[in-house]
Amino acid sequence: VVGVLCVGACHPQPLDDLEVQFVQAISAWMATAIENVQLNESGKRLAVLEERDRFGMDLHDGIIQSIYAVGLTLEHARLLMTEDPVQSTSRIDQAIKDLNHTIRDIRAYILDLRPRQLNNENLMQGIQRLVQEFRANTLIDVNVQGHDEDLFGLPETQAVALFHICQESLANIAKHAKAHRVDIVVWKTQDRALLEVQDDGRGFDLNKVKLTIGHGLSNMETRAGNVGGAVDISSEPGHGTSVLAWVPLPEFDPLIVE
């Protein structure tokens, strides 16, 4: 039982068979709608728990283990300090290099977790802001193509969806791709706005990733789908990754002249 439907009538006669069937149909439809909402909420809670577990696993197996390894390297350097100063210095240099790499990993996680919105910006300005922070945190070269005037008339909901898809793409590149270059292209056709984020990183098997840690990929698909768009992700191990997203523009009527 998901609820109780109370039916009243302004006349004293009992409901006839047709009216009873009508009420039963309404109650069945309402029960289905309520169950769908409950399932959706349960799915969201499960997704949050899975994301928390994934982050904890990434933190433990990645950053914490890296810091522990730096500690072991420094301990080894301390033991070599009197016997072999040259080797000790080499180990310290290696520890510094590893620590800097860990700092970049931490920044990549911060880049992924920090909530972002378009703060009185258009889409291109927001993407440029993401790119500036991405460059500073990863030292990866990024090329952006697109102009503000190309996206004139893009509704805020569609702009925010593309903005978050770009953010998610950059965060995934920072964490997983080991890329040297990223290309971002934004353009518009008569009926849609498009965003493509392409990297030259190590790529991945899309089917395996979707079965394991595909939360970020699912988030991008959900954001595009919520505004009537879609995302196409293509990748192969060793050949980089491409994320192509599009969202619909307001209905275009060529007979209307402003």
C-alpha atoms as a PDB file:
ATOM      1  CA  VAL A   1       0.000   0.000   0.000  1.00  0.00           C
ATOM      2  CA  VAL A   2       1.477   3.366  -1.047  1.00  0.00           C
ATOM      3  CA  GLY A   3      -1.426   5.615  -0.094  1.00  0.00           C
ATOM      4  CA  VAL A   4      -5.153   6.050   0.404  1.00  0.00           C
ATOM      5  CA  LEU A   5      -7.473   7.646  -2.152  1.00  0.00           C
ATOM      6  CA  CYS A   6     -10.632   9.163  -0.663  1.00  0.00           C
ATOM      7  CA  VAL A   7     -13.512   9.813  -3.068  1.00  0.00           C
ATOM      8  CA  GLY A   8     -16.588  11.879  -2.272  1.00  0.00           C
ATOM      9  CA  ALA A   9     -19.745  12.662  -4.208  1.00  0.00           C
ATOM     10  CA  CYS A  10     -22.287  15.470  -3.920  1.00  0.00           C
ATOM     11  CA  HIS A  11     -25.191  13.094  -4.579  1.00  0.00           C
ATOM     12  CA  PRO A  12     -26.416  10.287  -2.278  1.00  0.00           C
ATOM     13  CA  GLN A  13     -26.401   7.596  -4.967  1.00  0.00           C
ATOM     14  CA  PRO A  14     -23.564   5.067  -4.917  1.00  0.00           C
ATOM     15  CA  LEU A  15     -21.023   5.134  -7.713  1.00  0.00           C
ATOM     16  CA  ASP A  16     -21.949   3.053 -10.731  1.00  0.00           C
ATOM     17  CA  ASP A  17     -19.610   0.488 -12.278  1.00  0.00           C
ATOM     18  CA  LEU A  18     -18.178   2.916 -14.830  1.00  0.00           C
ATOM     19  CA  GLU A  19     -17.375   5.484 -12.142  1.00  0.00           C
ATOM     20  CA  VAL A  20     -15.769   2.819  -9.952  1.00  0.00           C
ATOM     21  CA  GLN A  21     -13.604   1.671 -12.846  1.00  0.00           C
ATOM     22  CA  PHE A  22     -12.606   5.285 -13.500  1.00  0.00           C
ATOM     23  CA  VAL A  23     -11.579   5.802  -9.854  1.00  0.00           C
ATOM     24  CA  GLN A  24      -9.670   2.509  -9.860  1.00  0.00           C
ATOM     25  CA  ALA A  25      -7.791   3.569 -12.977  1.00  0.00           C
ATOM     26  CA  ILE A  26      -6.874   6.899 -11.373  1.00  0.00           C
ATOM     27  CA  SER A  27      -5.711   5.182  -8.176  1.00  0.00           C
ATOM     28  CA  ALA A  28      -3.577   2.718 -10.147  1.00  0.00           C
ATOM     29  CA  TRP A  29      -1.985   5.567 -12.108  1.00  0.00           C
ATOM     30  CA  MET A  30      -1.307   7.537  -8.906  1.00  0.00           C
ATOM     31  CA  ALA A  31       0.208   4.481  -7.214  1.00  0.00           C
ATOM     32  CA  THR A  32       2.525   3.956 -10.171  1.00  0.00           C
ATOM     33  CA  ALA A  33       3.560   7.624 -10.119  1.00  0.00           C
ATOM     34  CA  ILE A  34       4.277   7.497  -6.370  1.00  0.00           C
ATOM     35  CA  GLU A  35       6.303   4.303  -6.729  1.00  0.00           C
ATOM     36  CA  ASN A  36       8.319   5.860  -9.557  1.00  0.00           C
ATOM     37  CA  VAL A  37       9.134   8.872  -7.379  1.00  0.00           C
ATOM     38  CA  GLN A  38      10.140   6.598  -4.502  1.00  0.00           C
ATOM     39  CA  LEU A  39      12.343   4.517  -6.790  1.00  0.00           C
ATOM     40  CA  ASN A  40      13.951   7.662  -8.177  1.00  0.00           C
ATOM     41  CA  GLU A  41      14.731   8.949  -4.683  1.00  0.00           C
ATOM     42  CA  SER A  42      16.140   5.556  -3.689  1.00  0.00           C
ATOM     43  CA  GLY A  43      18.308   5.590  -6.798  1.00  0.00           C
ATOM     44  CA  LYS A  44      19.649   9.042  -5.935  1.00  0.00           C
ATOM     45  CA  ARG A  45      20.498   7.956  -2.384  1.00  0.00           C
ATOM     46  CA  LEU A  46      22.220   4.850  -3.711  1.00  0.00           C
ATOM     47  CA  ALA A  47      24.208   6.944  -6.196  1.00  0.00           C
ATOM     48  CA  VAL A  48      25.379   9.243  -3.377  1.00  0.00           C
ATOM     49  CA  LEU A  49      26.496   6.256  -1.293  1.00  0.00           C
ATOM     50  CA  GLU A  50      28.287   4.692  -4.252  1.00  0.00           C
ATOM     51  CA  GLU A  51      30.030   7.984  -5.045  1.00  0.00           C
ATOM     52  CA  ARG A  52      31.118   8.342  -1.405  1.00  0.00           C
ATOM     53  CA  ASP A  53      32.519   4.813  -1.411  1.00  0.00           C
ATOM     54  CA  ARG A  54      34.294   5.462  -4.715  1.00  0.00           C
ATOM     55  CA  PHE A  55      35.836   8.661  -3.411  1.00  0.00           C
ATOM     56  CA  GLY A  56      36.971   6.920  -0.221  1.00  0.00           C
ATOM     57  CA  MET A  57      38.543   4.144  -2.273  1.00  0.00           C
ATOM     58  CA  ASP A  58      40.258   6.606  -4.609  1.00  0.00           C
ATOM     59  CA  LEU A  59      41.521   8.621  -1.653  1.00  0.00           C
ATOM     60  CA  HIS A  60      42.872   5.553   0.135  1.00  0.00           C
ATOM     61  CA  ASP A  61      44.355   3.766  -2.856  1.00  0.00           C
ATOM     62  CA  GLY A  62      45.627   6.912  -4.548  1.00  0.00           C
ATOM     63  CA  ILE A  63      46.545   9.952  -2.490  1.00  0.00           C
ATOM     64  CA  ILE A  64      47.120   8.286   0.891  1.00  0.00           C
ATOM     65  CA  GLN A  65      49.281   5.564  -0.632  1.00  0.00           C
ATOM     66  CA  SER A  66      51.263   8.182  -2.566  1.00  0.00           C
ATOM     67  CA  ILE A  67      51.938  10.176   0.598  1.00  0.00           C
ATOM     68  CA  TYR A  68      52.958   6.979   2.395  1.00  0.00           C
ATOM     69  CA  ALA A  69      55.395   6.186  -0.432  1.00  0.00           C
ATOM     70  CA  VAL A  70      56.917   9.676  -0.146  1.00  0.00           C
ATOM     71  CA  GLY A  71      57.408   9.060   3.559  1.00  0.00           C
ATOM     72  CA  LEU A  72      59.243   5.807   2.862  1.00  0.00           C
ATOM     73  CA  THR A  73      61.465   7.544   0.305  1.00  0.00           C
ATOM     74  CA  LEU A  74      62.392  10.266   2.800  1.00  0.00           C
ATOM     75  CA  GLU A  75      63.091   7.656   5.477  1.00  0.00           C
ATOM     76  CA  HIS A  76      65.421   5.870   3.067  1.00  0.00           C
ATOM     77  CA  ALA A  77      67.132   9.180   2.265  1.00  0.00           C
ATOM     78  CA  ARG A  78      67.690   9.833   5.975  1.00  0.00           C
ATOM     79  CA  LEU A  79      69.379   6.445   6.401  1.00  0.00           C
ATOM     80  CA  LEU A  80      71.675   7.144   3.423  1.00  0.00           C
ATOM     81  CA  MET A  81      72.590  10.642   4.535  1.00  0.00           C
ATOM     82  CA  THR A  82      75.905   9.716   6.210  1.00  0.00           C
ATOM     83  CA  GLU A  83      76.882   6.685   4.118  1.00  0.00           C
ATOM     84  CA  ASP A  84      76.004   7.948   0.625  1.00  0.00           C
ATOM     85  CA  PRO A  85      75.117  11.669   0.504  1.00  0.00           C
ATOM     86  CA  VAL A  86      74.799  11.647  -3.295  1.00  0.00           C
ATOM     87  CA  GLN A  87      72.259   8.825  -3.258  1.00  0.00           C
ATOM     88  CA  SER A  88      70.493  10.465  -0.323  1.00  0.00           C
ATOM     89  CA  THR A  89      70.131  13.687  -2.304  1.00  0.00           C
ATOM     90  CA  SER A  90      68.795  11.702  -5.255  1.00  0.00           C
ATOM     91  CA  ARG A  91      66.168  10.081  -3.037  1.00  0.00           C
ATOM     92  CA  ILE A  92      65.139  13.480  -1.655  1.00  0.00           C
ATOM     93  CA  ASP A  93      64.777  14.828  -5.197  1.00  0.00           C
ATOM     94  CA  GLN A  94      62.603  11.833  -6.053  1.00  0.00           C
ATOM     95  CA  ALA A  95      60.464  12.459  -2.959  1.00  0.00           C
ATOM     96  CA  ILE A  96      59.961  16.086  -4.006  1.00  0.00           C
ATOM     97  CA  LYS A  97      58.933  14.966  -7.493  1.00  0.00           C
ATOM     98  CA  ASP A  98      56.495  12.399  -6.108  1.00  0.00           C
ATOM     99  CA  LEU A  99      55.060  14.909  -3.635  1.00  0.00           C
ATOM    100  CA  ASN A 100      54.474  17.455  -6.396  1.00  0.00           C
ATOM    101  CA  HIS A 101      52.656  14.769  -8.368  1.00  0.00           C
ATOM    102  CA  THR A 102      50.494  14.020  -5.320  1.00  0.00           C
ATOM    103  CA  ILE A 103      49.694  17.724  -4.946  1.00  0.00           C
ATOM    104  CA  ARG A 104      48.487  17.765  -8.546  1.00  0.00           C
ATOM    105  CA  ASP A 105      46.313  14.727  -7.786  1.00  0.00           C
ATOM    106  CA  ILE A 106      44.799  16.514  -4.779  1.00  0.00           C
ATOM    107  CA  ARG A 107      44.100  19.584  -6.899  1.00  0.00           C
ATOM    108  CA  ALA A 108      42.426  17.353  -9.462  1.00  0.00           C
ATOM    109  CA  TYR A 109      40.102  15.981  -6.786  1.00  0.00           C
ATOM    110  CA  ILE A 110      39.331  19.509  -5.586  1.00  0.00           C
ATOM    111  CA  LEU A 111      38.593  20.486  -9.185  1.00  0.00           C
ATOM    112  CA  ASP A 112      36.140  17.597  -9.385  1.00  0.00           C
ATOM    113  CA  LEU A 113      34.390  18.169  -6.040  1.00  0.00           C
ATOM    114  CA  ARG A 114      34.051  21.947  -5.956  1.00  0.00           C
ATOM    115  CA  PRO A 115      30.501  23.025  -6.810  1.00  0.00           C
ATOM    116  CA  ARG A 116      30.394  25.247  -9.880  1.00  0.00           C
ATOM    117  CA  GLN A 117      27.822  27.478 -11.495  1.00  0.00           C
ATOM    118  CA  LEU A 118      27.763  30.177 -14.133  1.00  0.00           C
ATOM    119  CA  ASN A 119      28.230  33.257 -11.957  1.00  0.00           C
ATOM    120  CA  ASN A 120      26.834  36.083 -14.104  1.00  0.00           C
ATOM    121  CA  GLU A 121      28.801  34.615 -17.017  1.00  0.00           C
ATOM    122  CA  ASN A 122      27.877  33.329 -20.423  1.00  0.00           C
ATOM    123  CA  LEU A 123      28.878  29.816 -21.411  1.00  0.00           C
ATOM    124  CA  MET A 124      32.182  30.751 -23.055  1.00  0.00           C
ATOM    125  CA  GLN A 125      33.253  32.867 -20.071  1.00  0.00           C
ATOM    126  CA  GLY A 126      32.449  30.001 -17.713  1.00  0.00           C
ATOM    127  CA  ILE A 127      34.399  27.525 -19.824  1.00  0.00           C
ATOM    128  CA  GLN A 128      37.382  29.897 -19.979  1.00  0.00           C
ATOM    129  CA  ARG A 129      37.327  30.087 -16.169  1.00  0.00           C
ATOM    130  CA  LEU A 130      37.292  26.294 -15.896  1.00  0.00           C
ATOM    131  CA  VAL A 131      40.160  26.065 -18.374  1.00  0.00           C
ATOM    132  CA  GLN A 132      42.305  28.596 -16.492  1.00  0.00           C
ATOM    133  CA  GLU A 133      41.977  26.620 -13.260  1.00  0.00           C
ATOM    134  CA  PHE A 134      42.511  23.341 -15.099  1.00  0.00           C
ATOM    135  CA  ARG A 135      45.748  24.620 -16.662  1.00  0.00           C
ATOM    136  CA  ALA A 136      47.027  25.871 -13.301  1.00  0.00           C
ATOM    137  CA  ASN A 137      46.266  22.582 -11.563  1.00  0.00           C
ATOM    138  CA  THR A 138      47.445  20.133 -14.225  1.00  0.00           C
ATOM    139  CA  LEU A 139      49.902  22.021 -16.483  1.00  0.00           C
ATOM    140  CA  ILE A 140      48.097  20.436 -19.455  1.00  0.00           C
ATOM    141  CA  ASP A 141      47.848  22.497 -22.647  1.00  0.00           C
ATOM    142  CA  VAL A 142      44.241  23.410 -23.523  1.00  0.00           C
ATOM    143  CA  ASN A 143      42.967  24.917 -26.766  1.00  0.00           C
ATOM    144  CA  VAL A 144      39.486  26.505 -26.762  1.00  0.00           C
ATOM    145  CA  GLN A 145      37.528  27.382 -29.912  1.00  0.00           C
ATOM    146  CA  GLY A 146      34.241  29.249 -29.804  1.00  0.00           C
ATOM    147  CA  HIS A 147      32.835  32.773 -29.621  1.00  0.00           C
ATOM    148  CA  ASP A 148      30.221  34.427 -27.442  1.00  0.00           C
ATOM    149  CA  GLU A 149      28.217  35.617 -30.441  1.00  0.00           C
ATOM    150  CA  ASP A 150      27.974  32.048 -31.745  1.00  0.00           C
ATOM    151  CA  LEU A 151      25.863  31.140 -28.712  1.00  0.00           C
ATOM    152  CA  PHE A 152      23.515  34.128 -28.730  1.00  0.00           C
ATOM    153  CA  GLY A 153      20.059  33.077 -27.539  1.00  0.00           C
ATOM    154  CA  LEU A 154      21.231  29.966 -25.677  1.00  0.00           C
ATOM    155  CA  PRO A 155      18.919  29.561 -22.635  1.00  0.00           C
ATOM    156  CA  GLU A 156      20.554  29.451 -19.213  1.00  0.00           C
ATOM    157  CA  THR A 157      19.425  25.886 -18.484  1.00  0.00           C
ATOM    158  CA  GLN A 158      21.121  24.607 -21.637  1.00  0.00           C
ATOM    159  CA  ALA A 159      24.228  26.711 -20.970  1.00  0.00           C
ATOM    160  CA  VAL A 160      24.520  25.359 -17.419  1.00  0.00           C
ATOM    161  CA  ALA A 161      24.162  21.783 -18.691  1.00  0.00           C
ATOM    162  CA  LEU A 162      27.027  22.222 -21.187  1.00  0.00           C
ATOM    163  CA  PHE A 163      29.090  24.020 -18.537  1.00  0.00           C
ATOM    164  CA  HIS A 164      28.797  21.100 -16.115  1.00  0.00           C
ATOM    165  CA  ILE A 165      29.520  18.574 -18.853  1.00  0.00           C
ATOM    166  CA  CYS A 166      32.703  20.500 -19.672  1.00  0.00           C
ATOM    167  CA  GLN A 167      33.610  20.586 -15.979  1.00  0.00           C
ATOM    168  CA  GLU A 168      33.078  16.839 -15.615  1.00  0.00           C
ATOM    169  CA  SER A 169      35.114  16.142 -18.751  1.00  0.00           C
ATOM    170  CA  LEU A 170      38.058  18.220 -17.522  1.00  0.00           C
ATOM    171  CA  ALA A 171      37.912  16.604 -14.081  1.00  0.00           C
ATOM    172  CA  ASN A 172      38.020  13.131 -15.645  1.00  0.00           C
ATOM    173  CA  ILE A 173      40.981  14.156 -17.798  1.00  0.00           C
ATOM    174  CA  ALA A 174      42.817  15.540 -14.766  1.00  0.00           C
ATOM    175  CA  LYS A 175      42.282  12.348 -12.776  1.00  0.00           C
ATOM    176  CA  HIS A 176      42.599   9.597 -15.350  1.00  0.00           C
ATOM    177  CA  ALA A 177      43.736  10.573 -18.844  1.00  0.00           C
ATOM    178  CA  LYS A 178      47.454  11.394 -18.438  1.00  0.00           C
ATOM    179  CA  ALA A 179      46.945  13.722 -21.392  1.00  0.00           C
ATOM    180  CA  HIS A 180      49.297  16.342 -22.825  1.00  0.00           C
ATOM    181  CA  ARG A 181      46.700  18.321 -24.764  1.00  0.00           C
ATOM    182  CA  VAL A 182      42.983  19.040 -24.589  1.00  0.00           C
ATOM    183  CA  ASP A 183      40.859  20.620 -27.331  1.00  0.00           C
ATOM    184  CA  ILE A 184      37.498  22.214 -26.497  1.00  0.00           C
ATOM    185  CA  VAL A 185      35.171  23.339 -29.286  1.00  0.00           C
ATOM    186  CA  VAL A 186      31.806  25.052 -28.796  1.00  0.00           C
ATOM    187  CA  TRP A 187      29.536  25.856 -31.737  1.00  0.00           C
ATOM    188  CA  LYS A 188      25.911  26.190 -32.759  1.00  0.00           C
ATOM    189  CA  THR A 189      23.725  24.914 -35.583  1.00  0.00           C
ATOM    190  CA  GLN A 190      20.210  26.040 -36.416  1.00  0.00           C
ATOM    191  CA  ASP A 191      18.601  23.808 -33.796  1.00  0.00           C
ATOM    192  CA  ARG A 192      21.269  22.903 -31.242  1.00  0.00           C
ATOM    193  CA  ALA A 193      24.383  24.011 -29.347  1.00  0.00           C
ATOM    194  CA  LEU A 194      27.298  21.584 -29.228  1.00  0.00           C
ATOM    195  CA  LEU A 195      30.361  21.047 -27.043  1.00  0.00           C
ATOM    196  CA  GLU A 196      33.250  18.720 -27.797  1.00  0.00           C
ATOM    197  CA  VAL A 197      36.073  17.986 -25.349  1.00  0.00           C
ATOM    198  CA  GLN A 198      38.859  15.848 -26.774  1.00  0.00           C
ATOM    199  CA  ASP A 199      42.134  14.737 -25.170  1.00  0.00           C
ATOM    200  CA  ASP A 200      45.201  12.834 -26.344  1.00  0.00           C
ATOM    201  CA  GLY A 201      45.438  10.742 -23.185  1.00  0.00           C
ATOM    202  CA  ARG A 202      45.576   7.016 -22.612  1.00  0.00           C
ATOM    203  CA  GLY A 203      41.879   6.419 -23.308  1.00  0.00           C
ATOM    204  CA  PHE A 204      39.880   3.528 -21.880  1.00  0.00           C
ATOM    205  CA  ASP A 205      37.497   0.701 -22.656  1.00  0.00           C
ATOM    206  CA  LEU A 206      34.135   2.454 -22.455  1.00  0.00           C
ATOM    207  CA  ASN A 207      32.169  -0.705 -21.623  1.00  0.00           C
ATOM    208  CA  LYS A 208      34.425  -1.638 -18.706  1.00  0.00           C
ATOM    209  CA  VAL A 209      34.386   1.878 -17.262  1.00  0.00           C
ATOM    210  CA  LYS A 210      30.590   2.089 -17.418  1.00  0.00           C
ATOM    211  CA  LEU A 211      30.367  -1.158 -15.471  1.00  0.00           C
ATOM    212  CA  THR A 212      32.713   0.051 -12.724  1.00  0.00           C
ATOM    213  CA  ILE A 213      33.284   3.747 -12.022  1.00  0.00           C
ATOM    214  CA  GLY A 214      31.081   5.354 -14.638  1.00  0.00           C
ATOM    215  CA  HIS A 215      29.421   7.898 -12.311  1.00  0.00           C
ATOM    216  CA  GLY A 216      30.970  10.870 -14.096  1.00  0.00           C
ATOM    217  CA  LEU A 217      29.943   9.548 -17.502  1.00  0.00           C
ATOM    218  CA  SER A 218      26.419   8.915 -16.245  1.00  0.00           C
ATOM    219  CA  ASN A 219      26.248  12.419 -14.758  1.00  0.00           C
ATOM    220  CA  MET A 220      27.072  13.962 -18.135  1.00  0.00           C
ATOM    221  CA  GLU A 221      24.416  11.901 -19.882  1.00  0.00           C
ATOM    222  CA  THR A 222      21.857  12.849 -17.225  1.00  0.00           C
ATOM    223  CA  ARG A 223      22.601  16.577 -17.444  1.00  0.00           C
ATOM    224  CA  ALA A 224      22.225  16.586 -21.212  1.00  0.00           C
ATOM    225  CA  GLY A 225      19.119  14.423 -21.093  1.00  0.00           C
ATOM    226  CA  ASN A 226      17.443  16.694 -18.542  1.00  0.00           C
ATOM    227  CA  VAL A 227      17.360  19.518 -21.111  1.00  0.00           C
ATOM    228  CA  GLY A 228      16.497  17.327 -24.079  1.00  0.00           C
ATOM    229  CA  GLY A 229      20.043  16.759 -25.331  1.00  0.00           C
ATOM    230  CA  ALA A 230      22.485  13.874 -25.415  1.00  0.00           C
ATOM    231  CA  VAL A 231      26.144  12.953 -24.947  1.00  0.00           C
ATOM    232  CA  ASP A 232      28.267  10.705 -27.145  1.00  0.00           C
ATOM    233  CA  ILE A 233      31.492   9.439 -25.578  1.00  0.00           C
ATOM    234  CA  SER A 234      34.098   7.661 -27.672  1.00  0.00           C
ATOM    235  CA  SER A 235      37.405   6.276 -26.436  1.00  0.00           C
ATOM    236  CA  GLU A 236      39.923   3.547 -27.101  1.00  0.00           C
ATOM    237  CA  PRO A 237      42.868   2.494 -24.948  1.00  0.00           C
ATOM    238  CA  GLY A 238      45.891   4.463 -26.111  1.00  0.00           C
ATOM    239  CA  HIS A 239      43.917   6.773 -28.411  1.00  0.00           C
ATOM    240  CA  GLY A 240      42.447   9.414 -26.118  1.00  0.00           C
ATOM    241  CA  THR A 241      38.830  10.279 -25.405  1.00  0.00           C
ATOM    242  CA  SER A 242      36.214  12.479 -27.056  1.00  0.00           C
ATOM    243  CA  VAL A 243      33.078  13.790 -25.353  1.00  0.00           C
ATOM    244  CA  LEU A 244      30.506  15.301 -27.720  1.00  0.00           C
ATOM    245  CA  ALA A 245      27.448  16.876 -26.072  1.00  0.00           C
ATOM    246  CA  TRP A 246      24.539  18.771 -27.581  1.00  0.00           C
ATOM    247  CA  VAL A 247      21.494  20.563 -26.229  1.00  0.00           C
ATOM    248  CA  PRO A 248      18.485  21.852 -28.190  1.00  0.00           C
ATOM    249  CA  LEU A 249      17.978  25.530 -28.927  1.00  0.00           C
ATOM    250  CA  PRO A 250      14.581  27.250 -28.655  1.00  0.00           C
ATOM    251  CA  GLU A 251      12.360  26.376 -31.590  1.00  0.00           C
ATOM    252  CA  PHE A 252      13.580  28.207 -34.655  1.00  0.00           C
ATOM    253  CA  ASP A 253      11.055  29.601 -37.132  1.00  0.00           C
ATOM    254  CA  PRO A 254      12.684  31.130 -40.254  1.00  0.00           C
ATOM    255  CA  LEU A 255       9.441  33.007 -41.039  1.00  0.00           C
ATOM    256  CA  ILE A 256       9.731  35.075 -37.867  1.00  0.00           C
ATOM    257  CA  VAL A 257      11.833  38.207 -38.300  1.00  0.00           C
ATOM    258  CA  GLU A 258      12.735  40.206 -35.216  1.00  0.00           C
END
